[in-house]
N, C-alpha and C. Protein backbone atom coordinates (compact mmCIF):
# COMPACT_ATOMS: atom_id res chain seq x y z
N MET A 1 0.80 -1.17 0.00
CA MET A 1 0.00 0.00 0.00
C MET A 1 0.86 1.26 0.00
N ALA A 2 0.38 2.25 -0.74
CA ALA A 2 1.16 3.48 -0.86
C ALA A 2 0.89 4.38 0.34
N ALA A 3 1.92 5.03 0.73
CA ALA A 3 1.78 5.93 1.88
C ALA A 3 1.06 7.21 1.46
N PRO A 4 0.09 7.63 2.23
CA PRO A 4 -0.61 8.86 1.87
C PRO A 4 0.33 10.05 1.99
N THR A 5 0.20 10.98 1.03
CA THR A 5 0.99 12.21 1.07
C THR A 5 0.23 13.28 1.83
N THR A 6 0.92 13.93 2.62
CA THR A 6 0.30 15.02 3.38
C THR A 6 0.89 16.34 2.89
N VAL A 7 0.05 17.30 2.86
CA VAL A 7 0.50 18.63 2.42
C VAL A 7 0.72 19.47 3.66
N THR A 8 1.86 19.99 3.72
CA THR A 8 2.17 20.85 4.87
C THR A 8 1.64 22.26 4.61
N PRO A 9 1.36 22.97 5.68
CA PRO A 9 0.88 24.34 5.48
C PRO A 9 1.86 25.21 4.70
N ALA A 10 3.15 25.01 4.88
CA ALA A 10 4.13 25.82 4.15
C ALA A 10 4.06 25.51 2.66
N GLY A 11 3.87 24.27 2.31
CA GLY A 11 3.75 23.89 0.91
C GLY A 11 2.48 24.42 0.30
N ALA A 12 1.40 24.48 1.08
CA ALA A 12 0.13 25.02 0.58
C ALA A 12 0.26 26.51 0.29
N ARG A 13 0.94 27.21 1.20
CA ARG A 13 1.11 28.65 0.98
C ARG A 13 1.96 28.92 -0.25
N GLN A 14 2.98 28.14 -0.45
CA GLN A 14 3.84 28.35 -1.59
C GLN A 14 3.07 28.10 -2.89
N GLY A 15 2.19 27.13 -2.91
CA GLY A 15 1.39 26.86 -4.09
C GLY A 15 0.42 28.01 -4.39
N LEU A 16 -0.11 28.62 -3.36
CA LEU A 16 -1.02 29.74 -3.56
C LEU A 16 -0.29 30.96 -4.09
N LYS A 17 0.89 31.22 -3.59
CA LYS A 17 1.62 32.40 -4.02
C LYS A 17 1.99 32.33 -5.50
N SER A 18 2.36 31.19 -5.96
CA SER A 18 2.79 31.09 -7.35
C SER A 18 1.62 31.23 -8.32
N GLY A 19 0.38 30.93 -7.92
CA GLY A 19 -0.76 30.99 -8.82
C GLY A 19 -1.57 32.27 -8.71
N SER A 20 -1.31 33.13 -7.75
CA SER A 20 -2.10 34.36 -7.60
C SER A 20 -1.22 35.59 -7.76
N MET A 21 -1.90 36.78 -7.89
CA MET A 21 -1.16 38.04 -8.05
C MET A 21 -0.58 38.47 -6.71
N SER A 22 0.49 39.18 -6.78
CA SER A 22 1.09 39.68 -5.55
C SER A 22 0.28 40.88 -5.06
N ASN A 23 0.47 41.18 -3.81
CA ASN A 23 -0.24 42.33 -3.22
C ASN A 23 0.15 43.63 -3.90
N LEU A 24 1.40 43.77 -4.27
CA LEU A 24 1.87 44.99 -4.93
C LEU A 24 1.14 45.20 -6.27
N THR A 25 0.95 44.14 -7.03
CA THR A 25 0.24 44.25 -8.31
C THR A 25 -1.21 44.68 -8.10
N LEU A 26 -1.86 44.11 -7.09
CA LEU A 26 -3.25 44.49 -6.80
C LEU A 26 -3.36 45.95 -6.38
N ILE A 27 -2.42 46.43 -5.57
CA ILE A 27 -2.43 47.84 -5.14
C ILE A 27 -2.21 48.76 -6.33
N LEU A 28 -1.28 48.42 -7.22
CA LEU A 28 -1.03 49.25 -8.40
C LEU A 28 -2.26 49.30 -9.31
N ILE A 29 -2.96 48.19 -9.47
CA ILE A 29 -4.18 48.17 -10.30
C ILE A 29 -5.25 49.06 -9.67
N LYS A 30 -5.40 49.00 -8.34
CA LYS A 30 -6.38 49.84 -7.64
C LYS A 30 -6.07 51.33 -7.81
N ILE A 31 -4.79 51.68 -7.68
CA ILE A 31 -4.39 53.09 -7.84
C ILE A 31 -4.64 53.57 -9.26
N ALA A 32 -4.32 52.75 -10.25
CA ALA A 32 -4.57 53.14 -11.65
C ALA A 32 -6.06 53.31 -11.90
N TYR A 33 -6.87 52.42 -11.37
CA TYR A 33 -8.33 52.52 -11.53
C TYR A 33 -8.85 53.82 -10.90
N LEU A 34 -8.40 54.15 -9.71
CA LEU A 34 -8.83 55.38 -9.05
C LEU A 34 -8.38 56.62 -9.82
N ALA A 35 -7.16 56.58 -10.38
CA ALA A 35 -6.67 57.72 -11.17
C ALA A 35 -7.54 57.95 -12.40
N VAL A 36 -7.90 56.88 -13.10
CA VAL A 36 -8.76 57.00 -14.29
C VAL A 36 -10.15 57.49 -13.89
N LEU A 37 -10.67 57.01 -12.76
CA LEU A 37 -11.97 57.44 -12.27
C LEU A 37 -11.97 58.93 -11.95
N TRP A 38 -10.93 59.43 -11.26
CA TRP A 38 -10.84 60.86 -10.93
C TRP A 38 -10.66 61.71 -12.19
N LEU A 39 -9.92 61.20 -13.15
CA LEU A 39 -9.75 61.93 -14.41
C LEU A 39 -11.11 62.11 -15.09
N PHE A 40 -11.91 61.07 -15.11
CA PHE A 40 -13.25 61.16 -15.68
C PHE A 40 -14.11 62.17 -14.92
N VAL A 41 -14.08 62.13 -13.60
CA VAL A 41 -14.87 63.07 -12.79
C VAL A 41 -14.44 64.51 -13.06
N LEU A 42 -13.15 64.78 -13.11
CA LEU A 42 -12.66 66.14 -13.38
C LEU A 42 -13.05 66.62 -14.77
N MET A 43 -13.00 65.73 -15.76
CA MET A 43 -13.41 66.11 -17.11
C MET A 43 -14.91 66.43 -17.15
N ALA A 44 -15.71 65.66 -16.44
CA ALA A 44 -17.16 65.92 -16.40
C ALA A 44 -17.44 67.25 -15.73
N VAL A 45 -16.75 67.58 -14.65
CA VAL A 45 -16.92 68.87 -13.98
C VAL A 45 -16.51 70.01 -14.91
N GLY A 46 -15.44 69.82 -15.66
CA GLY A 46 -15.01 70.85 -16.62
C GLY A 46 -16.03 71.10 -17.70
N VAL A 47 -16.64 70.06 -18.23
CA VAL A 47 -17.66 70.22 -19.27
C VAL A 47 -18.89 70.93 -18.70
N ILE A 48 -19.29 70.57 -17.50
CA ILE A 48 -20.46 71.20 -16.89
C ILE A 48 -20.19 72.67 -16.60
N SER A 49 -19.00 73.00 -16.08
CA SER A 49 -18.70 74.41 -15.79
C SER A 49 -18.60 75.22 -17.08
N THR A 50 -18.08 74.65 -18.15
CA THR A 50 -18.04 75.36 -19.42
C THR A 50 -19.44 75.62 -19.94
N ASP A 51 -20.33 74.64 -19.76
CA ASP A 51 -21.71 74.80 -20.22
C ASP A 51 -22.43 75.87 -19.41
N LEU A 52 -22.17 75.93 -18.11
CA LEU A 52 -22.86 76.91 -17.26
C LEU A 52 -22.26 78.30 -17.35
N PHE A 53 -20.92 78.40 -17.36
CA PHE A 53 -20.27 79.70 -17.26
C PHE A 53 -19.55 80.13 -18.52
N GLY A 54 -19.52 79.32 -19.55
CA GLY A 54 -18.86 79.68 -20.80
C GLY A 54 -17.38 79.35 -20.75
N PRO A 55 -16.72 79.46 -21.91
CA PRO A 55 -15.30 79.15 -21.96
C PRO A 55 -14.49 80.16 -21.17
N SER A 56 -13.39 79.71 -20.59
CA SER A 56 -12.55 80.60 -19.79
C SER A 56 -11.82 81.57 -20.70
N LYS A 57 -11.57 82.75 -20.19
CA LYS A 57 -10.83 83.76 -20.94
C LYS A 57 -9.35 83.47 -20.76
N LYS A 58 -8.62 83.40 -21.88
CA LYS A 58 -7.19 83.14 -21.81
C LYS A 58 -6.46 84.46 -21.60
N LYS A 59 -5.58 84.48 -20.60
CA LYS A 59 -4.86 85.71 -20.27
C LYS A 59 -3.67 85.93 -21.17
N GLY A 60 -3.13 84.89 -21.76
CA GLY A 60 -1.91 84.99 -22.54
C GLY A 60 -2.06 85.76 -23.84
N ARG A 61 -3.26 85.87 -24.37
CA ARG A 61 -3.45 86.50 -25.67
C ARG A 61 -3.91 87.94 -25.50
N LYS A 62 -2.96 88.85 -25.55
CA LYS A 62 -3.28 90.27 -25.51
C LYS A 62 -2.77 90.88 -26.80
N LYS A 63 -3.59 91.69 -27.41
CA LYS A 63 -3.16 92.35 -28.63
C LYS A 63 -2.34 93.58 -28.26
N ARG A 64 -1.18 93.65 -28.85
CA ARG A 64 -0.33 94.82 -28.62
C ARG A 64 -0.63 95.85 -29.69
N PRO A 65 -0.58 97.11 -29.33
CA PRO A 65 -0.80 98.13 -30.36
C PRO A 65 0.37 98.13 -31.34
N ARG A 66 0.06 98.36 -32.60
CA ARG A 66 1.10 98.40 -33.63
C ARG A 66 1.93 99.67 -33.47
N PRO A 67 3.23 99.54 -33.62
CA PRO A 67 4.04 100.76 -33.60
C PRO A 67 3.75 101.58 -34.86
N GLN A 68 3.66 102.89 -34.66
CA GLN A 68 3.37 103.75 -35.81
C GLN A 68 4.65 104.01 -36.60
N ALA A 69 4.48 104.11 -37.91
CA ALA A 69 5.62 104.37 -38.78
C ALA A 69 6.14 105.78 -38.55
N ARG A 70 7.45 105.90 -38.51
CA ARG A 70 8.07 107.21 -38.29
C ARG A 70 8.63 107.69 -39.63
N PRO A 71 8.64 108.98 -39.82
CA PRO A 71 9.19 109.50 -41.07
C PRO A 71 10.68 109.19 -41.16
N ALA A 72 11.14 108.92 -42.39
CA ALA A 72 12.54 108.57 -42.61
C ALA A 72 13.46 109.77 -42.43
N SER A 73 12.99 110.95 -42.76
CA SER A 73 13.84 112.14 -42.64
C SER A 73 13.88 112.59 -41.19
N GLY A 74 14.96 113.21 -40.83
CA GLY A 74 15.09 113.68 -39.45
C GLY A 74 14.54 115.08 -39.29
N GLY A 75 13.72 115.56 -40.21
CA GLY A 75 13.19 116.92 -40.18
C GLY A 75 12.17 117.12 -39.08
N ALA A 76 11.33 118.09 -39.29
CA ALA A 76 10.32 118.46 -38.30
C ALA A 76 9.31 117.34 -38.13
N PRO A 77 8.78 117.22 -36.91
CA PRO A 77 7.78 116.17 -36.70
C PRO A 77 6.52 116.46 -37.51
N SER A 78 5.94 115.40 -38.01
CA SER A 78 4.75 115.58 -38.85
C SER A 78 3.51 115.69 -37.98
N ARG A 79 2.49 116.35 -38.54
CA ARG A 79 1.22 116.50 -37.83
C ARG A 79 0.44 115.19 -37.94
N PRO A 80 -0.34 114.87 -36.92
CA PRO A 80 -1.17 113.67 -37.05
C PRO A 80 -2.25 113.90 -38.10
N ALA A 81 -2.57 112.85 -38.81
CA ALA A 81 -3.59 112.94 -39.86
C ALA A 81 -4.95 113.24 -39.23
N PRO A 82 -5.75 114.08 -39.89
CA PRO A 82 -7.06 114.37 -39.31
C PRO A 82 -7.92 113.10 -39.28
N ALA A 83 -8.63 112.94 -38.19
CA ALA A 83 -9.48 111.75 -38.03
C ALA A 83 -10.72 111.89 -38.91
N ARG A 84 -11.10 110.77 -39.52
CA ARG A 84 -12.31 110.77 -40.33
C ARG A 84 -13.53 110.78 -39.42
N GLN A 85 -14.47 111.55 -39.80
CA GLN A 85 -15.72 111.54 -39.04
C GLN A 85 -16.63 110.52 -39.68
N GLN A 86 -17.10 109.60 -38.84
CA GLN A 86 -17.98 108.58 -39.37
C GLN A 86 -19.42 109.02 -39.19
N ARG A 87 -20.12 108.92 -40.31
CA ARG A 87 -21.55 109.24 -40.26
C ARG A 87 -22.30 108.03 -39.78
N PRO A 88 -23.32 108.24 -38.97
CA PRO A 88 -24.13 107.08 -38.59
C PRO A 88 -24.82 106.50 -39.81
N GLN A 89 -24.86 105.16 -39.87
CA GLN A 89 -25.50 104.52 -41.00
C GLN A 89 -27.00 104.76 -40.94
N ARG A 90 -27.54 105.06 -42.11
CA ARG A 90 -28.99 105.24 -42.17
C ARG A 90 -29.66 103.89 -42.12
N GLN A 91 -30.79 103.85 -41.45
CA GLN A 91 -31.58 102.62 -41.38
C GLN A 91 -32.27 102.43 -42.73
N ARG A 92 -32.04 101.28 -43.35
CA ARG A 92 -32.72 100.99 -44.60
C ARG A 92 -34.13 100.52 -44.30
N ARG A 93 -34.96 100.59 -45.29
CA ARG A 93 -36.38 100.30 -45.11
C ARG A 93 -36.64 98.86 -44.65
N ASN A 94 -35.92 97.89 -45.21
CA ASN A 94 -36.19 96.48 -44.89
C ASN A 94 -35.29 95.91 -43.81
N ASP A 95 -34.47 96.74 -43.16
CA ASP A 95 -33.60 96.25 -42.10
C ASP A 95 -34.40 95.93 -40.85
N PRO A 96 -34.04 94.84 -40.16
CA PRO A 96 -34.74 94.52 -38.91
C PRO A 96 -34.37 95.53 -37.82
N VAL A 97 -35.29 95.71 -36.89
CA VAL A 97 -35.10 96.67 -35.81
C VAL A 97 -34.96 95.97 -34.46
N VAL A 98 -35.68 94.85 -34.28
CA VAL A 98 -35.66 94.14 -33.01
C VAL A 98 -35.52 92.64 -33.22
N LEU A 99 -35.03 91.96 -32.17
CA LEU A 99 -35.04 90.51 -32.09
C LEU A 99 -36.17 90.18 -31.11
N ALA A 100 -37.18 89.46 -31.59
CA ALA A 100 -38.37 89.20 -30.78
C ALA A 100 -38.46 87.72 -30.42
N VAL A 101 -38.89 87.44 -29.18
CA VAL A 101 -39.16 86.07 -28.74
C VAL A 101 -40.62 85.79 -29.09
N THR A 102 -40.87 84.78 -29.94
CA THR A 102 -42.23 84.48 -30.39
C THR A 102 -42.85 83.30 -29.65
N GLN A 103 -42.02 82.37 -29.14
CA GLN A 103 -42.53 81.22 -28.39
C GLN A 103 -41.60 80.94 -27.23
N GLY A 104 -42.16 80.39 -26.17
CA GLY A 104 -41.37 80.04 -25.01
C GLY A 104 -41.75 80.88 -23.80
N PRO A 105 -41.03 80.71 -22.70
CA PRO A 105 -41.36 81.41 -21.47
C PRO A 105 -41.29 82.94 -21.59
N LEU A 106 -40.46 83.45 -22.47
CA LEU A 106 -40.29 84.91 -22.62
C LEU A 106 -41.02 85.46 -23.84
N ALA A 107 -42.05 84.78 -24.31
CA ALA A 107 -42.78 85.23 -25.50
C ALA A 107 -43.23 86.67 -25.33
N GLY A 108 -43.00 87.48 -26.38
CA GLY A 108 -43.35 88.90 -26.34
C GLY A 108 -42.18 89.80 -26.01
N THR A 109 -41.08 89.25 -25.53
CA THR A 109 -39.89 90.04 -25.20
C THR A 109 -39.17 90.45 -26.48
N THR A 110 -38.70 91.68 -26.52
CA THR A 110 -37.93 92.15 -27.68
C THR A 110 -36.61 92.74 -27.21
N VAL A 111 -35.60 92.63 -28.06
CA VAL A 111 -34.29 93.22 -27.82
C VAL A 111 -33.96 94.10 -29.01
N ASP A 112 -33.67 95.38 -28.76
CA ASP A 112 -33.31 96.29 -29.84
C ASP A 112 -31.99 95.85 -30.46
N LEU A 113 -31.95 95.86 -31.78
CA LEU A 113 -30.73 95.49 -32.49
C LEU A 113 -29.81 96.69 -32.53
N ALA A 114 -28.59 96.49 -32.14
CA ALA A 114 -27.57 97.54 -32.18
C ALA A 114 -26.37 96.98 -32.92
N SER A 115 -25.30 97.75 -32.97
CA SER A 115 -24.12 97.28 -33.69
C SER A 115 -23.39 96.20 -32.92
N GLN A 116 -23.62 96.09 -31.60
CA GLN A 116 -22.95 95.06 -30.81
C GLN A 116 -23.70 93.74 -30.89
N PRO A 117 -23.01 92.62 -30.75
CA PRO A 117 -23.67 91.31 -30.83
C PRO A 117 -24.62 91.07 -29.66
N ILE A 118 -25.63 90.25 -29.90
CA ILE A 118 -26.59 89.88 -28.87
C ILE A 118 -26.25 88.45 -28.44
N LEU A 119 -25.89 88.28 -27.17
CA LEU A 119 -25.56 86.97 -26.63
C LEU A 119 -26.81 86.39 -26.00
N ILE A 120 -27.13 85.15 -26.36
CA ILE A 120 -28.34 84.48 -25.88
C ILE A 120 -27.93 83.25 -25.09
N GLY A 121 -28.49 83.10 -23.88
CA GLY A 121 -28.18 81.94 -23.07
C GLY A 121 -28.73 82.07 -21.67
N ARG A 122 -28.38 81.12 -20.81
CA ARG A 122 -28.85 81.13 -19.43
C ARG A 122 -27.94 81.92 -18.50
N ALA A 123 -26.74 82.25 -18.93
CA ALA A 123 -25.79 82.98 -18.08
C ALA A 123 -26.36 84.37 -17.76
N PRO A 124 -26.17 84.84 -16.54
CA PRO A 124 -26.74 86.14 -16.16
C PRO A 124 -26.17 87.32 -16.94
N ASP A 125 -24.98 87.18 -17.52
CA ASP A 125 -24.41 88.30 -18.28
C ASP A 125 -24.80 88.27 -19.75
N SER A 126 -25.70 87.37 -20.15
CA SER A 126 -26.18 87.34 -21.54
C SER A 126 -27.06 88.55 -21.81
N THR A 127 -27.10 88.98 -23.07
CA THR A 127 -27.99 90.07 -23.45
C THR A 127 -29.44 89.65 -23.32
N LEU A 128 -29.75 88.44 -23.76
CA LEU A 128 -31.10 87.88 -23.63
C LEU A 128 -30.97 86.61 -22.79
N VAL A 129 -31.36 86.70 -21.51
CA VAL A 129 -31.28 85.57 -20.60
C VAL A 129 -32.55 84.75 -20.74
N ILE A 130 -32.39 83.50 -21.22
CA ILE A 130 -33.56 82.64 -21.38
C ILE A 130 -33.50 81.54 -20.32
N THR A 131 -34.65 81.27 -19.72
CA THR A 131 -34.74 80.26 -18.66
C THR A 131 -35.29 78.97 -19.25
N ASP A 132 -34.56 78.43 -20.17
CA ASP A 132 -34.97 77.22 -20.88
C ASP A 132 -34.02 76.10 -20.46
N ASP A 133 -34.57 74.96 -20.05
CA ASP A 133 -33.74 73.85 -19.59
C ASP A 133 -32.83 73.31 -20.69
N TYR A 134 -33.16 73.55 -21.95
CA TYR A 134 -32.37 73.04 -23.06
C TYR A 134 -31.35 74.05 -23.57
N ALA A 135 -31.23 75.19 -22.91
CA ALA A 135 -30.28 76.22 -23.33
C ALA A 135 -29.00 76.12 -22.51
N SER A 136 -27.88 76.43 -23.13
CA SER A 136 -26.59 76.45 -22.45
C SER A 136 -26.37 77.83 -21.85
N GLY A 137 -25.31 77.95 -21.07
CA GLY A 137 -24.98 79.24 -20.45
C GLY A 137 -24.76 80.32 -21.50
N ARG A 138 -23.94 80.04 -22.46
CA ARG A 138 -23.72 80.92 -23.62
C ARG A 138 -24.08 80.07 -24.83
N HIS A 139 -25.30 80.22 -25.29
CA HIS A 139 -25.84 79.29 -26.28
C HIS A 139 -25.60 79.76 -27.71
N ALA A 140 -25.97 81.00 -28.01
CA ALA A 140 -25.85 81.50 -29.39
C ALA A 140 -25.64 83.00 -29.36
N ARG A 141 -25.25 83.53 -30.50
CA ARG A 141 -25.16 84.99 -30.62
C ARG A 141 -25.69 85.42 -31.97
N VAL A 142 -26.28 86.61 -31.98
CA VAL A 142 -26.80 87.22 -33.20
C VAL A 142 -25.99 88.49 -33.39
N TYR A 143 -25.42 88.65 -34.59
CA TYR A 143 -24.57 89.81 -34.83
C TYR A 143 -24.73 90.30 -36.27
N SER A 144 -24.30 91.54 -36.48
CA SER A 144 -24.37 92.16 -37.80
C SER A 144 -22.97 92.22 -38.39
N GLU A 145 -22.90 91.91 -39.69
CA GLU A 145 -21.62 91.98 -40.38
C GLU A 145 -21.89 92.35 -41.84
N GLY A 146 -21.34 93.44 -42.26
CA GLY A 146 -21.51 93.87 -43.65
C GLY A 146 -22.96 94.15 -44.03
N GLY A 147 -23.74 94.67 -43.09
CA GLY A 147 -25.13 95.00 -43.38
C GLY A 147 -26.09 93.82 -43.31
N ARG A 148 -25.59 92.63 -42.99
CA ARG A 148 -26.44 91.44 -42.87
C ARG A 148 -26.38 90.94 -41.44
N TRP A 149 -27.43 90.24 -41.02
CA TRP A 149 -27.49 89.68 -39.67
C TRP A 149 -27.19 88.19 -39.74
N PHE A 150 -26.43 87.71 -38.76
CA PHE A 150 -26.02 86.31 -38.69
C PHE A 150 -26.36 85.75 -37.31
N VAL A 151 -26.60 84.43 -37.27
CA VAL A 151 -26.75 83.72 -36.00
C VAL A 151 -25.67 82.66 -35.95
N GLU A 152 -25.07 82.51 -34.75
CA GLU A 152 -23.97 81.56 -34.58
C GLU A 152 -24.21 80.76 -33.30
N ASP A 153 -24.11 79.44 -33.40
CA ASP A 153 -24.20 78.58 -32.22
C ASP A 153 -22.83 78.60 -31.54
N LEU A 154 -22.82 78.77 -30.22
CA LEU A 154 -21.57 78.87 -29.48
C LEU A 154 -21.22 77.52 -28.81
N ASN A 155 -21.21 76.47 -29.61
CA ASN A 155 -20.90 75.11 -29.14
C ASN A 155 -21.81 74.69 -27.99
N SER A 156 -23.09 74.95 -28.16
CA SER A 156 -24.06 74.59 -27.13
C SER A 156 -24.28 73.08 -27.11
N THR A 157 -24.82 72.61 -26.00
CA THR A 157 -25.05 71.17 -25.85
C THR A 157 -26.15 70.67 -26.77
N ASN A 158 -27.28 71.38 -26.81
CA ASN A 158 -28.44 70.91 -27.57
C ASN A 158 -28.58 71.56 -28.94
N GLY A 159 -27.74 72.50 -29.29
CA GLY A 159 -27.75 73.09 -30.62
C GLY A 159 -28.72 74.24 -30.80
N THR A 160 -28.50 74.99 -31.86
CA THR A 160 -29.34 76.09 -32.28
C THR A 160 -29.86 75.76 -33.66
N TYR A 161 -31.15 76.00 -33.90
CA TYR A 161 -31.78 75.65 -35.17
C TYR A 161 -32.25 76.91 -35.87
N LEU A 162 -31.96 77.00 -37.15
CA LEU A 162 -32.46 78.06 -38.01
C LEU A 162 -33.48 77.39 -38.92
N GLY A 163 -34.77 77.62 -38.64
CA GLY A 163 -35.82 76.86 -39.30
C GLY A 163 -35.75 75.44 -38.77
N GLN A 164 -35.54 74.46 -39.65
CA GLN A 164 -35.40 73.05 -39.24
C GLN A 164 -33.94 72.59 -39.30
N GLN A 165 -33.03 73.50 -39.66
CA GLN A 165 -31.63 73.14 -39.87
C GLN A 165 -30.80 73.47 -38.63
N LYS A 166 -30.04 72.46 -38.14
CA LYS A 166 -29.15 72.68 -37.00
C LYS A 166 -27.91 73.42 -37.48
N LEU A 167 -27.52 74.46 -36.75
CA LEU A 167 -26.38 75.27 -37.15
C LEU A 167 -25.07 74.59 -36.78
N ASN A 168 -24.11 74.64 -37.70
CA ASN A 168 -22.76 74.18 -37.38
C ASN A 168 -21.73 75.26 -37.72
N ARG A 169 -22.21 76.38 -38.25
CA ARG A 169 -21.36 77.55 -38.54
C ARG A 169 -22.29 78.75 -38.60
N PRO A 170 -21.76 79.97 -38.55
CA PRO A 170 -22.63 81.15 -38.62
C PRO A 170 -23.45 81.17 -39.91
N GLN A 171 -24.73 81.49 -39.80
CA GLN A 171 -25.64 81.52 -40.94
C GLN A 171 -26.33 82.88 -41.02
N PRO A 172 -26.50 83.42 -42.22
CA PRO A 172 -27.26 84.67 -42.35
C PRO A 172 -28.74 84.43 -42.05
N ILE A 173 -29.37 85.43 -41.44
CA ILE A 173 -30.80 85.31 -41.13
C ILE A 173 -31.54 86.48 -41.73
N THR A 174 -32.80 86.26 -42.02
CA THR A 174 -33.65 87.30 -42.60
C THR A 174 -34.82 87.57 -41.66
N VAL A 175 -35.56 88.62 -41.95
CA VAL A 175 -36.71 88.99 -41.15
C VAL A 175 -37.75 87.86 -41.19
N GLY A 176 -38.23 87.46 -40.01
CA GLY A 176 -39.26 86.44 -39.92
C GLY A 176 -38.77 85.01 -39.89
N GLN A 177 -37.49 84.78 -40.08
CA GLN A 177 -36.95 83.43 -40.08
C GLN A 177 -36.79 82.95 -38.62
N PRO A 178 -37.38 81.80 -38.25
CA PRO A 178 -37.34 81.37 -36.85
C PRO A 178 -35.98 80.81 -36.43
N ILE A 179 -35.55 81.23 -35.24
CA ILE A 179 -34.33 80.72 -34.61
C ILE A 179 -34.81 79.99 -33.36
N ARG A 180 -34.52 78.68 -33.26
CA ARG A 180 -35.01 77.90 -32.12
C ARG A 180 -33.85 77.49 -31.22
N ILE A 181 -34.02 77.81 -29.93
CA ILE A 181 -33.08 77.41 -28.89
C ILE A 181 -33.91 76.69 -27.83
N GLY A 182 -33.89 75.37 -27.84
CA GLY A 182 -34.72 74.60 -26.93
C GLY A 182 -36.19 74.84 -27.25
N LYS A 183 -36.95 75.32 -26.26
CA LYS A 183 -38.38 75.61 -26.46
C LYS A 183 -38.63 77.07 -26.81
N THR A 184 -37.56 77.85 -26.90
CA THR A 184 -37.67 79.28 -27.20
C THR A 184 -37.45 79.51 -28.69
N VAL A 185 -38.34 80.29 -29.30
CA VAL A 185 -38.23 80.63 -30.72
C VAL A 185 -38.10 82.15 -30.83
N LEU A 186 -37.11 82.59 -31.61
CA LEU A 186 -36.83 84.03 -31.81
C LEU A 186 -36.91 84.32 -33.30
N GLU A 187 -37.09 85.61 -33.63
CA GLU A 187 -37.01 86.03 -35.03
C GLU A 187 -36.71 87.51 -35.09
N LEU A 188 -36.13 87.93 -36.23
CA LEU A 188 -35.87 89.34 -36.48
C LEU A 188 -37.16 89.98 -36.97
N ARG A 189 -37.43 91.20 -36.52
CA ARG A 189 -38.62 91.93 -36.97
C ARG A 189 -38.25 93.35 -37.34
N LYS A 190 -39.07 93.92 -38.26
CA LYS A 190 -38.89 95.31 -38.69
C LYS A 190 -39.47 96.25 -37.66
């Protein structure tokens, strides 16, 4: 008869160590998993803050004034050129005068069109603050360029629609053409 083999506790432990991961490997995997998890959380917070408060202003980009050309001769200093007087542009007959909200919580609200752009969104510093759950902090802007009016989506989450078309670049708009931001509809009026 064969003698039964007995396994000693030391031999059992040695067999377990060779077939399983070391504690150091498990700790390193846990740390890597937590690092990836925190990276995801920080990226999500960044996207939400950009949506609520708009893109951050970069401090590094400041425009420096151009140096003025100096006369080549060493003679008397030259007089500054007389400044041109700009005449105010006359309002043409078919030009829009206001941006009106036609549907949504602010229906009936109008914003006078001026030479400066109109910022539309939920942010308190927007020109037209809309309380629409589908609007971003800085959702869209309406501006004039070369005598024409344009609407531009500012990388909003849910998009800006001109008629039934989702905007992906600035588009010219005409009087009466609907601009939809969530449940809010706007249009230019005379």
